[in-house]
Amino acid sequence: MLALGFGFVTLRREEKRACEVGTLCASPIARRRMKWALWIATMISIPLLTFPWWSKLVLG
């Protein structure tokens, strides 16, 4: 959870910071891919982190 939180904070900080032309943070395509990767990792981790709560309902 800390790593995901750090990823969101870093991504938000990069959006506010001025980037030099030609760097990775200046590319809108790379920025979009980073956002997608972070959200996909979040969607995968939520069911894994909450497994003890919902597994009793599903597995009986």
PDB file of N, CA and C in Angstrom:
ATOM      1  N   MET A   1       0.818  -1.180   0.000  1.00  0.00           N
ATOM      2  CA  MET A   1       0.000   0.000   0.000  1.00  0.00           C
ATOM      3  C   MET A   1       0.870   1.256   0.000  1.00  0.00           C
ATOM      4  N   LEU A   2       1.968   1.175   0.720  1.00  0.00           N
ATOM      5  CA  LEU A   2       2.869   2.325   0.742  1.00  0.00           C
ATOM      6  C   LEU A   2       3.474   2.590  -0.635  1.00  0.00           C
ATOM      7  N   ALA A   3       3.822   1.530  -1.338  1.00  0.00           N
ATOM      8  CA  ALA A   3       4.409   1.698  -2.671  1.00  0.00           C
ATOM      9  C   ALA A   3       3.404   2.309  -3.642  1.00  0.00           C
ATOM     10  N   LEU A   4       2.144   1.890  -3.565  1.00  0.00           N
ATOM     11  CA  LEU A   4       1.123   2.476  -4.436  1.00  0.00           C
ATOM     12  C   LEU A   4       0.886   3.942  -4.075  1.00  0.00           C
ATOM     13  N   GLY A   5       0.831   4.233  -2.795  1.00  0.00           N
ATOM     14  CA  GLY A   5       0.672   5.618  -2.366  1.00  0.00           C
ATOM     15  C   GLY A   5       1.828   6.485  -2.823  1.00  0.00           C
ATOM     16  N   PHE A   6       3.039   5.943  -2.699  1.00  0.00           N
ATOM     17  CA  PHE A   6       4.220   6.670  -3.167  1.00  0.00           C
ATOM     18  C   PHE A   6       4.160   6.889  -4.675  1.00  0.00           C
ATOM     19  N   GLY A   7       3.657   5.898  -5.415  1.00  0.00           N
ATOM     20  CA  GLY A   7       3.531   6.032  -6.855  1.00  0.00           C
ATOM     21  C   GLY A   7       2.556   7.130  -7.250  1.00  0.00           C
ATOM     22  N   PHE A   8       1.416   7.196  -6.549  1.00  0.00           N
ATOM     23  CA  PHE A   8       0.440   8.250  -6.841  1.00  0.00           C
ATOM     24  C   PHE A   8       0.988   9.631  -6.497  1.00  0.00           C
ATOM     25  N   VAL A   9       1.682   9.737  -5.364  1.00  0.00           N
ATOM     26  CA  VAL A   9       2.265  11.028  -4.978  1.00  0.00           C
ATOM     27  C   VAL A   9       3.326  11.457  -5.983  1.00  0.00           C
ATOM     28  N   THR A  10       4.165  10.536  -6.394  1.00  0.00           N
ATOM     29  CA  THR A  10       5.222  10.851  -7.356  1.00  0.00           C
ATOM     30  C   THR A  10       4.635  11.254  -8.704  1.00  0.00           C
ATOM     31  N   LEU A  11       3.632  10.542  -9.152  1.00  0.00           N
ATOM     32  CA  LEU A  11       3.005  10.875 -10.425  1.00  0.00           C
ATOM     33  C   LEU A  11       2.358  12.249 -10.370  1.00  0.00           C
ATOM     34  N   ARG A  12       1.704  12.555  -9.274  1.00  0.00           N
ATOM     35  CA  ARG A  12       1.062  13.868  -9.123  1.00  0.00           C
ATOM     36  C   ARG A  12       2.112  14.980  -9.080  1.00  0.00           C
ATOM     37  N   ARG A  13       3.213  14.719  -8.399  1.00  0.00           N
ATOM     38  CA  ARG A  13       4.285  15.705  -8.313  1.00  0.00           C
ATOM     39  C   ARG A  13       4.916  15.936  -9.690  1.00  0.00           C
ATOM     40  N   GLU A  14       5.041  14.888 -10.478  1.00  0.00           N
ATOM     41  CA  GLU A  14       5.609  15.019 -11.826  1.00  0.00           C
ATOM     42  C   GLU A  14       4.697  15.839 -12.732  1.00  0.00           C
ATOM     43  N   GLU A  15       3.381  15.722 -12.542  1.00  0.00           N
ATOM     44  CA  GLU A  15       2.450  16.491 -13.368  1.00  0.00           C
ATOM     45  C   GLU A  15       2.573  17.982 -13.101  1.00  0.00           C
ATOM     46  N   LYS A  16       2.845  18.345 -11.872  1.00  0.00           N
ATOM     47  CA  LYS A  16       2.929  19.752 -11.512  1.00  0.00           C
ATOM     48  C   LYS A  16       4.288  20.357 -11.848  1.00  0.00           C
ATOM     49  N   ARG A  17       5.301  19.526 -11.967  1.00  0.00           N
ATOM     50  CA  ARG A  17       6.647  20.007 -12.221  1.00  0.00           C
ATOM     51  C   ARG A  17       6.846  20.267 -13.710  1.00  0.00           C
ATOM     52  N   ALA A  18       7.580  21.305 -14.006  1.00  0.00           N
ATOM     53  CA  ALA A  18       7.893  21.606 -15.408  1.00  0.00           C
ATOM     54  C   ALA A  18       8.990  20.657 -15.886  1.00  0.00           C
ATOM     55  N   CYS A  19       8.783  20.037 -17.025  1.00  0.00           N
ATOM     56  CA  CYS A  19       9.747  19.079 -17.566  1.00  0.00           C
ATOM     57  C   CYS A  19      10.462  19.676 -18.772  1.00  0.00           C
ATOM     58  N   GLU A  20      11.701  19.240 -18.939  1.00  0.00           N
ATOM     59  CA  GLU A  20      12.458  19.648 -20.116  1.00  0.00           C
ATOM     60  C   GLU A  20      11.983  18.838 -21.314  1.00  0.00           C
ATOM     61  N   VAL A  21      12.041  19.449 -22.462  1.00  0.00           N
ATOM     62  CA  VAL A  21      11.631  18.775 -23.693  1.00  0.00           C
ATOM     63  C   VAL A  21      12.577  17.598 -23.942  1.00  0.00           C
ATOM     64  N   GLY A  22      12.005  16.464 -24.279  1.00  0.00           N
ATOM     65  CA  GLY A  22      12.794  15.274 -24.570  1.00  0.00           C
ATOM     66  C   GLY A  22      12.938  14.331 -23.394  1.00  0.00           C
ATOM     67  N   THR A  23      12.529  14.723 -22.198  1.00  0.00           N
ATOM     68  CA  THR A  23      12.598  13.826 -21.056  1.00  0.00           C
ATOM     69  C   THR A  23      11.332  12.980 -20.988  1.00  0.00           C
ATOM     70  N   LEU A  24      11.381  11.941 -20.175  1.00  0.00           N
ATOM     71  CA  LEU A  24      10.267  11.004 -20.085  1.00  0.00           C
ATOM     72  C   LEU A  24       9.016  11.670 -19.522  1.00  0.00           C
ATOM     73  N   CYS A  25       9.172  12.548 -18.566  1.00  0.00           N
ATOM     74  CA  CYS A  25       7.982  13.165 -17.964  1.00  0.00           C
ATOM     75  C   CYS A  25       7.318  14.169 -18.902  1.00  0.00           C
ATOM     76  N   ALA A  26       7.996  14.605 -19.942  1.00  0.00           N
ATOM     77  CA  ALA A  26       7.405  15.556 -20.887  1.00  0.00           C
ATOM     78  C   ALA A  26       6.539  14.857 -21.933  1.00  0.00           C
ATOM     79  N   SER A  27       6.679  13.567 -22.078  1.00  0.00           N
ATOM     80  CA  SER A  27       5.932  12.821 -23.077  1.00  0.00           C
ATOM     81  C   SER A  27       4.531  12.485 -22.559  1.00  0.00           C
ATOM     82  N   PRO A  28       3.477  12.951 -23.241  1.00  0.00           N
ATOM     83  CA  PRO A  28       2.121  12.624 -22.779  1.00  0.00           C
ATOM     84  C   PRO A  28       1.800  11.131 -22.912  1.00  0.00           C
ATOM     85  N   ILE A  29       2.395  10.473 -23.874  1.00  0.00           N
ATOM     86  CA  ILE A  29       2.146   9.033 -24.050  1.00  0.00           C
ATOM     87  C   ILE A  29       2.757   8.252 -22.890  1.00  0.00           C
ATOM     88  N   ALA A  30       3.985   8.584 -22.524  1.00  0.00           N
ATOM     89  CA  ALA A  30       4.632   7.897 -21.403  1.00  0.00           C
ATOM     90  C   ALA A  30       3.902   8.181 -20.102  1.00  0.00           C
ATOM     91  N   ARG A  31       3.435   9.402 -19.941  1.00  0.00           N
ATOM     92  CA  ARG A  31       2.697   9.773 -18.736  1.00  0.00           C
ATOM     93  C   ARG A  31       1.377   8.990 -18.650  1.00  0.00           C
ATOM     94  N   ARG A  32       0.695   8.854 -19.764  1.00  0.00           N
ATOM     95  CA  ARG A  32      -0.555   8.094 -19.801  1.00  0.00           C
ATOM     96  C   ARG A  32      -0.306   6.626 -19.470  1.00  0.00           C
ATOM     97  N   ARG A  33       0.778   6.071 -19.994  1.00  0.00           N
ATOM     98  CA  ARG A  33       1.108   4.674 -19.698  1.00  0.00           C
ATOM     99  C   ARG A  33       1.428   4.481 -18.222  1.00  0.00           C
ATOM    100  N   MET A  34       2.122   5.454 -17.624  1.00  0.00           N
ATOM    101  CA  MET A  34       2.431   5.362 -16.193  1.00  0.00           C
ATOM    102  C   MET A  34       1.153   5.393 -15.361  1.00  0.00           C
ATOM    103  N   LYS A  35       0.202   6.232 -15.748  1.00  0.00           N
ATOM    104  CA  LYS A  35      -1.069   6.298 -15.032  1.00  0.00           C
ATOM    105  C   LYS A  35      -1.824   4.980 -15.155  1.00  0.00           C
ATOM    106  N   TRP A  36      -1.878   4.449 -16.360  1.00  0.00           N
ATOM    107  CA  TRP A  36      -2.569   3.165 -16.580  1.00  0.00           C
ATOM    108  C   TRP A  36      -1.920   2.051 -15.763  1.00  0.00           C
ATOM    109  N   ALA A  37      -0.605   1.986 -15.774  1.00  0.00           N
ATOM    110  CA  ALA A  37       0.098   0.938 -15.031  1.00  0.00           C
ATOM    111  C   ALA A  37      -0.162   1.057 -13.532  1.00  0.00           C
ATOM    112  N   LEU A  38      -0.186   2.271 -13.030  1.00  0.00           N
ATOM    113  CA  LEU A  38      -0.430   2.475 -11.610  1.00  0.00           C
ATOM    114  C   LEU A  38      -1.861   2.087 -11.233  1.00  0.00           C
ATOM    115  N   TRP A  39      -2.823   2.446 -12.062  1.00  0.00           N
ATOM    116  CA  TRP A  39      -4.214   2.081 -11.776  1.00  0.00           C
ATOM    117  C   TRP A  39      -4.441   0.578 -11.908  1.00  0.00           C
ATOM    118  N   ILE A  40      -3.808  -0.060 -12.871  1.00  0.00           N
ATOM    119  CA  ILE A  40      -3.944  -1.520 -13.014  1.00  0.00           C
ATOM    120  C   ILE A  40      -3.339  -2.229 -11.810  1.00  0.00           C
ATOM    121  N   ALA A  41      -2.177  -1.765 -11.358  1.00  0.00           N
ATOM    122  CA  ALA A  41      -1.564  -2.352 -10.162  1.00  0.00           C
ATOM    123  C   ALA A  41      -2.460  -2.164  -8.942  1.00  0.00           C
ATOM    124  N   THR A  42      -3.127  -1.030  -8.855  1.00  0.00           N
ATOM    125  CA  THR A  42      -4.044  -0.787  -7.742  1.00  0.00           C
ATOM    126  C   THR A  42      -5.243  -1.716  -7.811  1.00  0.00           C
ATOM    127  N   MET A  43      -5.800  -1.891  -9.013  1.00  0.00           N
ATOM    128  CA  MET A  43      -6.960  -2.775  -9.165  1.00  0.00           C
ATOM    129  C   MET A  43      -6.610  -4.230  -8.868  1.00  0.00           C
ATOM    130  N   ILE A  44      -5.403  -4.630  -9.157  1.00  0.00           N
ATOM    131  CA  ILE A  44      -4.980  -6.004  -8.863  1.00  0.00           C
ATOM    132  C   ILE A  44      -4.717  -6.178  -7.374  1.00  0.00           C
ATOM    133  N   SER A  45      -4.150  -5.173  -6.733  1.00  0.00           N
ATOM    134  CA  SER A  45      -3.761  -5.316  -5.337  1.00  0.00           C
ATOM    135  C   SER A  45      -4.939  -5.251  -4.366  1.00  0.00           C
ATOM    136  N   ILE A  46      -6.001  -4.549  -4.710  1.00  0.00           N
ATOM    137  CA  ILE A  46      -7.131  -4.430  -3.784  1.00  0.00           C
ATOM    138  C   ILE A  46      -7.770  -5.789  -3.475  1.00  0.00           C
ATOM    139  N   PRO A  47      -8.097  -6.611  -4.472  1.00  0.00           N
ATOM    140  CA  PRO A  47      -8.639  -7.941  -4.119  1.00  0.00           C
ATOM    141  C   PRO A  47      -7.636  -8.806  -3.349  1.00  0.00           C
ATOM    142  N   LEU A  48      -6.361  -8.662  -3.650  1.00  0.00           N
ATOM    143  CA  LEU A  48      -5.364  -9.458  -2.940  1.00  0.00           C
ATOM    144  C   LEU A  48      -5.238  -9.022  -1.482  1.00  0.00           C
ATOM    145  N   LEU A  49      -5.311  -7.726  -1.235  1.00  0.00           N
ATOM    146  CA  LEU A  49      -5.206  -7.228   0.138  1.00  0.00           C
ATOM    147  C   LEU A  49      -6.453  -7.513   0.963  1.00  0.00           C
ATOM    148  N   THR A  50      -7.599  -7.569   0.325  1.00  0.00           N
ATOM    149  CA  THR A  50      -8.850  -7.800   1.052  1.00  0.00           C
ATOM    150  C   THR A  50      -9.284  -9.263   1.012  1.00  0.00           C
ATOM    151  N   PHE A  51      -8.453 -10.146   0.561  1.00  0.00           N
ATOM    152  CA  PHE A  51      -8.789 -11.566   0.435  1.00  0.00           C
ATOM    153  C   PHE A  51      -9.309 -12.190   1.733  1.00  0.00           C
ATOM    154  N   PRO A  52      -8.693 -11.924   2.886  1.00  0.00           N
ATOM    155  CA  PRO A  52      -9.217 -12.560   4.105  1.00  0.00           C
ATOM    156  C   PRO A  52     -10.670 -12.206   4.412  1.00  0.00           C
ATOM    157  N   TRP A  53     -11.134 -11.047   4.032  1.00  0.00           N
ATOM    158  CA  TRP A  53     -12.508 -10.646   4.333  1.00  0.00           C
ATOM    159  C   TRP A  53     -13.513 -11.290   3.386  1.00  0.00           C
ATOM    160  N   TRP A  54     -13.251 -11.243   2.083  1.00  0.00           N
ATOM    161  CA  TRP A  54     -14.247 -11.749   1.159  1.00  0.00           C
ATOM    162  C   TRP A  54     -14.095 -13.241   0.870  1.00  0.00           C
ATOM    163  N   SER A  55     -12.983 -13.854   1.233  1.00  0.00           N
ATOM    164  CA  SER A  55     -12.805 -15.281   0.945  1.00  0.00           C
ATOM    165  C   SER A  55     -13.765 -16.151   1.766  1.00  0.00           C
ATOM    166  N   LYS A  56     -14.130 -15.685   2.947  1.00  0.00           N
ATOM    167  CA  LYS A  56     -15.079 -16.451   3.766  1.00  0.00           C
ATOM    168  C   LYS A  56     -16.452 -16.509   3.122  1.00  0.00           C
ATOM    169  N   LEU A  57     -16.841 -15.449   2.426  1.00  0.00           N
ATOM    170  CA  LEU A  57     -18.134 -15.430   1.748  1.00  0.00           C
ATOM    171  C   LEU A  57     -18.135 -16.300   0.503  1.00  0.00           C
ATOM    172  N   VAL A  58     -17.028 -16.268  -0.234  1.00  0.00           N
ATOM    173  CA  VAL A  58     -16.954 -16.991  -1.511  1.00  0.00           C
ATOM    174  C   VAL A  58     -16.642 -18.471  -1.296  1.00  0.00           C
ATOM    175  N   LEU A  59     -15.689 -18.754  -0.429  1.00  0.00           N
ATOM    176  CA  LEU A  59     -15.243 -20.130  -0.266  1.00  0.00           C
ATOM    177  C   LEU A  59     -16.013 -20.891   0.812  1.00  0.00           C
ATOM    178  N   GLY A  60     -16.769 -20.193   1.604  1.00  0.00           N
ATOM    179  CA  GLY A  60     -17.621 -20.833   2.596  1.00  0.00           C
ATOM    180  C   GLY A  60     -17.024 -21.050   3.892  1.00  0.00           C
TER     181      GLY A  60
END
